[in-house]
PDB file of N, CA and C in Angstrom:
ATOM      1  N   MET A   1       1.009  -1.258   0.049  1.00  0.00           N
ATOM      2  CA  MET A   1      -0.111  -0.206   0.116  1.00  0.00           C
ATOM      3  C   MET A   1       0.906   1.262  -0.064  1.00  0.00           C
ATOM      4  N   PRO A   2       0.681   2.314  -0.760  1.00  0.00           N
ATOM      5  CA  PRO A   2       1.386   3.171  -0.761  1.00  0.00           C
ATOM      6  C   PRO A   2       1.308   4.281   0.459  1.00  0.00           C
ATOM      7  N   LYS A   3       2.021   4.993   0.877  1.00  0.00           N
ATOM      8  CA  LYS A   3       2.292   5.823   1.683  1.00  0.00           C
ATOM      9  C   LYS A   3       1.660   7.091   1.515  1.00  0.00           C
ATOM     10  N   GLN A   4       0.842   7.407   2.620  1.00  0.00           N
ATOM     11  CA  GLN A   4      -0.157   8.788   2.613  1.00  0.00           C
ATOM     12  C   GLN A   4       1.330  10.037   2.831  1.00  0.00           C
ATOM     13  N   PRO A   5       0.966  11.040   2.281  1.00  0.00           N
ATOM     14  CA  PRO A   5       1.763  12.122   2.718  1.00  0.00           C
ATOM     15  C   PRO A   5       1.337  12.806   3.862  1.00  0.00           C
ATOM     16  N   ARG A   6       2.360  13.177   4.583  1.00  0.00           N
ATOM     17  CA  ARG A   6       2.222  13.508   6.110  1.00  0.00           C
ATOM     18  C   ARG A   6       1.662  14.911   5.852  1.00  0.00           C
ATOM     19  N   PRO A   7       0.745  15.403   6.840  1.00  0.00           N
ATOM     20  CA  PRO A   7       0.092  16.751   6.849  1.00  0.00           C
ATOM     21  C   PRO A   7       1.041  18.221   6.739  1.00  0.00           C
ATOM     22  N   GLU A   8       2.355  17.908   7.294  1.00  0.00           N
ATOM     23  CA  GLU A   8       3.323  18.928   7.315  1.00  0.00           C
ATOM     24  C   GLU A   8       3.893  18.836   5.578  1.00  0.00           C
ATOM     25  N   LYS A   9       4.041  17.608   5.223  1.00  0.00           N
ATOM     26  CA  LYS A   9       4.583  17.742   3.933  1.00  0.00           C
ATOM     27  C   LYS A   9       3.663  18.556   2.657  1.00  0.00           C
ATOM     28  N   ALA A  10       2.411  18.271   2.720  1.00  0.00           N
ATOM     29  CA  ALA A  10       1.428  18.785   1.965  1.00  0.00           C
ATOM     30  C   ALA A  10       1.370  20.297   2.179  1.00  0.00           C
ATOM     31  N   ALA A  11       1.510  20.754   3.547  1.00  0.00           N
ATOM     32  CA  ALA A  11       1.636  22.314   3.788  1.00  0.00           C
ATOM     33  C   ALA A  11       2.602  22.939   2.987  1.00  0.00           C
ATOM     34  N   LYS A  12       4.038  22.447   2.880  1.00  0.00           N
ATOM     35  CA  LYS A  12       5.077  22.769   2.353  1.00  0.00           C
ATOM     36  C   LYS A  12       4.806  23.202   1.016  1.00  0.00           C
ATOM     37  N   SER A  13       4.041  22.887   0.297  1.00  0.00           N
ATOM     38  CA  SER A  13       3.561  23.132  -1.077  1.00  0.00           C
ATOM     39  C   SER A  13       3.038  24.573  -1.189  1.00  0.00           C
ATOM     40  N   SER A  14       2.358  25.170  -0.079  1.00  0.00           N
ATOM     41  CA  SER A  14       1.960  26.465  -0.242  1.00  0.00           C
ATOM     42  C   SER A  14       3.046  27.450  -0.395  1.00  0.00           C
ATOM     43  N   LEU A  15       4.418  26.767   0.179  1.00  0.00           N
ATOM     44  CA  LEU A  15       5.494  28.126   0.026  1.00  0.00           C
ATOM     45  C   LEU A  15       5.635  28.650  -1.146  1.00  0.00           C
ATOM     46  N   ASN A  16       4.862  28.208  -2.545  1.00  0.00           N
ATOM     47  CA  ASN A  16       5.199  28.662  -3.980  1.00  0.00           C
ATOM     48  C   ASN A  16       4.431  30.061  -4.171  1.00  0.00           C
ATOM     49  N   LYS A  17       3.232  30.105  -2.939  1.00  0.00           N
ATOM     50  CA  LYS A  17       2.325  30.838  -3.263  1.00  0.00           C
ATOM     51  C   LYS A  17       2.615  32.540  -2.720  1.00  0.00           C
ATOM     52  N   PRO A  18       2.243  33.203  -3.494  1.00  0.00           N
ATOM     53  CA  PRO A  18       2.556  34.973  -2.814  1.00  0.00           C
ATOM     54  C   PRO A  18       2.089  34.949  -1.683  1.00  0.00           C
ATOM     55  N   VAL A  19       2.823  35.762  -0.644  1.00  0.00           N
ATOM     56  CA  VAL A  19       2.589  36.017   0.708  1.00  0.00           C
ATOM     57  C   VAL A  19       2.223  37.540   0.687  1.00  0.00           C
ATOM     58  N   ILE A  20       1.135  37.958   1.375  1.00  0.00           N
ATOM     59  CA  ILE A  20       0.818  39.257   2.025  1.00  0.00           C
ATOM     60  C   ILE A  20       1.153  39.641   2.923  1.00  0.00           C
ATOM     61  N   ALA A  21       2.087  40.877   3.409  1.00  0.00           N
ATOM     62  CA  ALA A  21       2.499  41.217   4.462  1.00  0.00           C
ATOM     63  C   ALA A  21       1.409  41.757   5.626  1.00  0.00           C
ATOM     64  N   LEU A  22       1.187  41.291   6.446  1.00  0.00           N
ATOM     65  CA  LEU A  22      -0.259  41.661   7.386  1.00  0.00           C
ATOM     66  C   LEU A  22       0.428  43.021   8.378  1.00  0.00           C
ATOM     67  N   ALA A  23       1.549  42.680   8.713  1.00  0.00           N
ATOM     68  CA  ALA A  23       2.239  43.374   9.597  1.00  0.00           C
ATOM     69  C   ALA A  23       2.750  45.080   9.253  1.00  0.00           C
ATOM     70  N   ASN A  24       2.560  45.107   7.780  1.00  0.00           N
ATOM     71  CA  ASN A  24       3.237  46.029   7.029  1.00  0.00           C
ATOM     72  C   ASN A  24       2.553  46.616   6.136  1.00  0.00           C
ATOM     73  N   LEU A  25       1.120  46.786   6.575  1.00  0.00           N
ATOM     74  CA  LEU A  25      -0.109  47.056   5.371  1.00  0.00           C
ATOM     75  C   LEU A  25       0.128  48.750   5.511  1.00  0.00           C
ATOM     76  N   ASP A  26       0.641  49.355   6.386  1.00  0.00           N
ATOM     77  CA  ASP A  26       0.887  50.769   5.630  1.00  0.00           C
ATOM     78  C   ASP A  26       1.962  50.992   4.769  1.00  0.00           C
ATOM     79  N   ASN A  27       3.064  50.297   4.521  1.00  0.00           N
ATOM     80  CA  ASN A  27       4.022  50.249   3.804  1.00  0.00           C
ATOM     81  C   ASN A  27       3.727  49.820   2.242  1.00  0.00           C
ATOM     82  N   PRO A  28       3.350  50.512   1.197  1.00  0.00           N
ATOM     83  CA  PRO A  28       2.921  49.901   0.119  1.00  0.00           C
ATOM     84  C   PRO A  28       3.976  48.878  -0.542  1.00  0.00           C
ATOM     85  N   GLU A  29       5.124  49.083  -0.100  1.00  0.00           N
ATOM     86  CA  GLU A  29       6.321  48.313  -1.048  1.00  0.00           C
ATOM     87  C   GLU A  29       6.210  47.030  -0.045  1.00  0.00           C
ATOM     88  N   SER A  30       5.593  46.640   0.781  1.00  0.00           N
ATOM     89  CA  SER A  30       5.552  45.352   1.416  1.00  0.00           C
ATOM     90  C   SER A  30       4.319  44.538   1.141  1.00  0.00           C
ATOM     91  N   ALA A  31       3.796  44.977   0.079  1.00  0.00           N
ATOM     92  CA  ALA A  31       2.518  44.311  -0.194  1.00  0.00           C
ATOM     93  C   ALA A  31       3.153  42.658  -0.958  1.00  0.00           C
ATOM     94  N   GLU A  32       4.199  42.598  -1.514  1.00  0.00           N
ATOM     95  CA  GLU A  32       4.262  41.241  -1.752  1.00  0.00           C
ATOM     96  C   GLU A  32       5.805  41.052  -1.309  1.00  0.00           C
ATOM     97  N   LEU A  33       5.933  39.808  -0.621  1.00  0.00           N
ATOM     98  CA  LEU A  33       7.311  39.542   0.144  1.00  0.00           C
ATOM     99  C   LEU A  33       8.036  38.640  -0.819  1.00  0.00           C
ATOM    100  N   THR A  34       9.122  38.583  -0.790  1.00  0.00           N
ATOM    101  CA  THR A  34       9.885  37.399  -1.083  1.00  0.00           C
ATOM    102  C   THR A  34      11.266  37.304  -0.516  1.00  0.00           C
ATOM    103  N   PRO A  35      11.649  35.633  -0.556  1.00  0.00           N
ATOM    104  CA  PRO A  35      12.425  35.213   0.846  1.00  0.00           C
ATOM    105  C   PRO A  35      13.592  36.030   0.441  1.00  0.00           C
ATOM    106  N   LEU A  36      14.548  36.203   1.515  1.00  0.00           N
ATOM    107  CA  LEU A  36      15.819  36.611   1.540  1.00  0.00           C
ATOM    108  C   LEU A  36      16.679  35.257   2.297  1.00  0.00           C
ATOM    109  N   ASN A  37      17.306  34.625   1.669  1.00  0.00           N
ATOM    110  CA  ASN A  37      18.054  33.382   2.053  1.00  0.00           C
ATOM    111  C   ASN A  37      19.579  33.318   2.208  1.00  0.00           C
ATOM    112  N   PHE A  38      20.156  33.415   3.412  1.00  0.00           N
ATOM    113  CA  PHE A  38      21.716  33.327   3.652  1.00  0.00           C
ATOM    114  C   PHE A  38      21.722  32.898   5.251  1.00  0.00           C
ATOM    115  N   ARG A  39      23.111  32.285   4.931  1.00  0.00           N
ATOM    116  CA  ARG A  39      23.236  31.827   6.306  1.00  0.00           C
ATOM    117  C   ARG A  39      24.116  32.684   7.190  1.00  0.00           C
ATOM    118  N   VAL A  40      24.015  32.417   8.543  1.00  0.00           N
ATOM    119  CA  VAL A  40      24.809  33.324   9.531  1.00  0.00           C
ATOM    120  C   VAL A  40      25.262  32.275  10.592  1.00  0.00           C
ATOM    121  N   PRO A  41      26.243  32.825  11.408  1.00  0.00           N
ATOM    122  CA  PRO A  41      26.813  32.044  12.426  1.00  0.00           C
ATOM    123  C   PRO A  41      25.740  31.868  13.712  1.00  0.00           C
ATOM    124  N   LYS A  42      25.653  30.786  13.803  1.00  0.00           N
ATOM    125  CA  LYS A  42      24.772  30.413  15.298  1.00  0.00           C
ATOM    126  C   LYS A  42      24.850  31.547  16.193  1.00  0.00           C
ATOM    127  N   ALA A  43      25.939  31.918  16.699  1.00  0.00           N
ATOM    128  CA  ALA A  43      26.029  33.239  17.810  1.00  0.00           C
ATOM    129  C   ALA A  43      25.431  34.222  17.311  1.00  0.00           C
ATOM    130  N   PHE A  44      25.623  34.866  16.147  1.00  0.00           N
ATOM    131  CA  PHE A  44      25.145  35.929  15.679  1.00  0.00           C
ATOM    132  C   PHE A  44      23.403  35.787  15.392  1.00  0.00           C
ATOM    133  N   HIS A  45      22.971  34.901  14.887  1.00  0.00           N
ATOM    134  CA  HIS A  45      21.378  34.512  14.579  1.00  0.00           C
ATOM    135  C   HIS A  45      21.012  34.485  16.456  1.00  0.00           C
ATOM    136  N   ARG A  46      21.731  33.576  17.354  1.00  0.00           N
ATOM    137  CA  ARG A  46      20.992  34.076  18.767  1.00  0.00           C
ATOM    138  C   ARG A  46      21.183  35.479  19.097  1.00  0.00           C
ATOM    139  N   GLU A  47      22.181  35.835  18.881  1.00  0.00           N
ATOM    140  CA  GLU A  47      22.229  37.318  19.333  1.00  0.00           C
ATOM    141  C   GLU A  47      21.251  38.555  18.660  1.00  0.00           C
ATOM    142  N   PHE A  48      21.293  38.406  17.548  1.00  0.00           N
ATOM    143  CA  PHE A  48      20.222  39.202  16.623  1.00  0.00           C
ATOM    144  C   PHE A  48      18.703  38.873  17.097  1.00  0.00           C
ATOM    145  N   LYS A  49      18.551  37.503  17.311  1.00  0.00           N
ATOM    146  CA  LYS A  49      16.934  37.082  17.576  1.00  0.00           C
ATOM    147  C   LYS A  49      16.772  37.871  19.181  1.00  0.00           C
ATOM    148  N   MET A  50      17.616  37.731  20.027  1.00  0.00           N
ATOM    149  CA  MET A  50      17.422  37.918  21.267  1.00  0.00           C
ATOM    150  C   MET A  50      17.418  39.618  21.677  1.00  0.00           C
ATOM    151  N   TYR A  51      18.110  40.174  20.341  1.00  0.00           N
ATOM    152  CA  TYR A  51      17.944  41.601  20.383  1.00  0.00           C
ATOM    153  C   TYR A  51      16.756  42.162  20.042  1.00  0.00           C
ATOM    154  N   ALA A  52      16.280  41.240  18.935  1.00  0.00           N
ATOM    155  CA  ALA A  52      14.699  41.651  18.661  1.00  0.00           C
ATOM    156  C   ALA A  52      13.785  41.335  19.798  1.00  0.00           C
ATOM    157  N   VAL A  53      13.793  40.333  20.331  1.00  0.00           N
ATOM    158  CA  VAL A  53      12.886  39.824  21.452  1.00  0.00           C
ATOM    159  C   VAL A  53      12.733  40.967  22.464  1.00  0.00           C
ATOM    160  N   GLN A  54      14.244  41.440  22.938  1.00  0.00           N
ATOM    161  CA  GLN A  54      14.465  42.134  23.990  1.00  0.00           C
ATOM    162  C   GLN A  54      13.459  43.544  23.673  1.00  0.00           C
ATOM    163  N   HIS A  55      13.570  43.778  22.452  1.00  0.00           N
ATOM    164  CA  HIS A  55      13.173  45.248  21.997  1.00  0.00           C
ATOM    165  C   HIS A  55      11.550  45.151  21.602  1.00  0.00           C
ATOM    166  N   GLY A  56      10.968  44.204  21.481  1.00  0.00           N
ATOM    167  CA  GLY A  56       9.747  43.845  21.161  1.00  0.00           C
ATOM    168  C   GLY A  56       9.419  43.970  19.595  1.00  0.00           C
ATOM    169  N   ILE A  57      10.307  43.681  18.733  1.00  0.00           N
ATOM    170  CA  ILE A  57      10.292  43.920  17.358  1.00  0.00           C
ATOM    171  C   ILE A  57      10.474  42.673  16.352  1.00  0.00           C
ATOM    172  N   SER A  58       9.950  42.176  15.405  1.00  0.00           N
ATOM    173  CA  SER A  58      10.178  41.124  14.500  1.00  0.00           C
ATOM    174  C   SER A  58      11.937  41.103  14.220  1.00  0.00           C
ATOM    175  N   MET A  59      12.423  40.053  13.705  1.00  0.00           N
ATOM    176  CA  MET A  59      14.096  40.108  13.089  1.00  0.00           C
ATOM    177  C   MET A  59      13.797  40.641  11.645  1.00  0.00           C
ATOM    178  N   VAL A  60      12.553  40.630  11.091  1.00  0.00           N
ATOM    179  CA  VAL A  60      12.407  41.130   9.866  1.00  0.00           C
ATOM    180  C   VAL A  60      12.601  42.862  10.250  1.00  0.00           C
ATOM    181  N   ASP A  61      11.520  43.133  10.974  1.00  0.00           N
ATOM    182  CA  ASP A  61      11.690  44.652  11.216  1.00  0.00           C
ATOM    183  C   ASP A  61      12.900  44.966  11.712  1.00  0.00           C
ATOM    184  N   LEU A  62      13.840  44.210  12.357  1.00  0.00           N
ATOM    185  CA  LEU A  62      15.185  44.773  12.891  1.00  0.00           C
ATOM    186  C   LEU A  62      16.070  44.974  11.689  1.00  0.00           C
ATOM    187  N   LEU A  63      16.079  43.650  10.851  1.00  0.00           N
ATOM    188  CA  LEU A  63      17.172  43.754   9.768  1.00  0.00           C
ATOM    189  C   LEU A  63      16.750  45.134   8.563  1.00  0.00           C
ATOM    190  N   GLN A  64      15.428  45.061   8.641  1.00  0.00           N
ATOM    191  CA  GLN A  64      14.852  46.476   7.481  1.00  0.00           C
ATOM    192  C   GLN A  64      15.361  47.589   8.196  1.00  0.00           C
ATOM    193  N   GLU A  65      14.928  47.903   9.648  1.00  0.00           N
ATOM    194  CA  GLU A  65      15.666  49.166  10.219  1.00  0.00           C
ATOM    195  C   GLU A  65      17.355  49.400  10.176  1.00  0.00           C
ATOM    196  N   SER A  66      17.807  48.191  10.029  1.00  0.00           N
ATOM    197  CA  SER A  66      19.351  48.172  10.209  1.00  0.00           C
ATOM    198  C   SER A  66      19.694  48.726   8.983  1.00  0.00           C
ATOM    199  N   PHE A  67      19.261  48.146   8.053  1.00  0.00           N
ATOM    200  CA  PHE A  67      19.737  48.515   6.450  1.00  0.00           C
ATOM    201  C   PHE A  67      19.389  49.953   6.274  1.00  0.00           C
ATOM    202  N   ARG A  68      18.229  50.304   6.908  1.00  0.00           N
ATOM    203  CA  ARG A  68      17.683  51.800   6.470  1.00  0.00           C
ATOM    204  C   ARG A  68      18.905  52.656   7.200  1.00  0.00           C
ATOM    205  N   VAL A  69      19.205  52.236   8.474  1.00  0.00           N
ATOM    206  CA  VAL A  69      20.179  53.207   9.066  1.00  0.00           C
ATOM    207  C   VAL A  69      21.410  53.275   8.827  1.00  0.00           C
ATOM    208  N   LEU A  70      22.105  52.028   8.273  1.00  0.00           N
ATOM    209  CA  LEU A  70      22.902  52.090   7.298  1.00  0.00           C
ATOM    210  C   LEU A  70      23.426  52.830   6.178  1.00  0.00           C
ATOM    211  N   LYS A  71      22.112  52.437   5.324  1.00  0.00           N
ATOM    212  CA  LYS A  71      21.904  53.490   4.272  1.00  0.00           C
ATOM    213  C   LYS A  71      22.258  54.880   4.539  1.00  0.00           C
ATOM    214  N   GLU A  72      21.446  55.556   5.319  1.00  0.00           N
ATOM    215  CA  GLU A  72      21.585  56.867   6.035  1.00  0.00           C
ATOM    216  C   GLU A  72      23.075  57.327   6.603  1.00  0.00           C
ATOM    217  N   ALA A  73      23.706  56.343   7.466  1.00  0.00           N
ATOM    218  CA  ALA A  73      24.900  56.500   7.733  1.00  0.00           C
ATOM    219  C   ALA A  73      25.828  56.644   6.561  1.00  0.00           C
ATOM    220  N   ARG A  74      25.651  55.777   5.691  1.00  0.00           N
ATOM    221  CA  ARG A  74      26.878  55.867   4.508  1.00  0.00           C
ATOM    222  C   ARG A  74      26.536  56.421   3.239  1.00  0.00           C
ATOM    223  N   GLY A  75      25.322  57.410   3.271  1.00  0.00           N
ATOM    224  CA  GLY A  75      24.969  58.171   2.518  1.00  0.00           C
ATOM    225  C   GLY A  75      24.050  57.589   1.081  1.00  0.00           C
ATOM    226  N   ARG A  76      23.749  56.490   1.321  1.00  0.00           N
ATOM    227  CA  ARG A  76      22.882  55.786   0.303  1.00  0.00           C
ATOM    228  C   ARG A  76      24.134  55.242  -0.741  1.00  0.00           C
TER     229      ARG A  76
END
């Protein structure tokens, strides 16, 4: 008898569907999200995540704000 797909496997197929930003509806540029995939050292990830949690913001918001501040500091 063939194996039945596990529910979590079936859910992964939804990764190809467009995602709408619910937290950033005020920002029209955020209407469509795209993945940003890269690896960082485990210690950096832990520090980055802890900083976000301690300041009550998401990791995405922390990354976006960090990038905005860096661009301003370097003159775009």
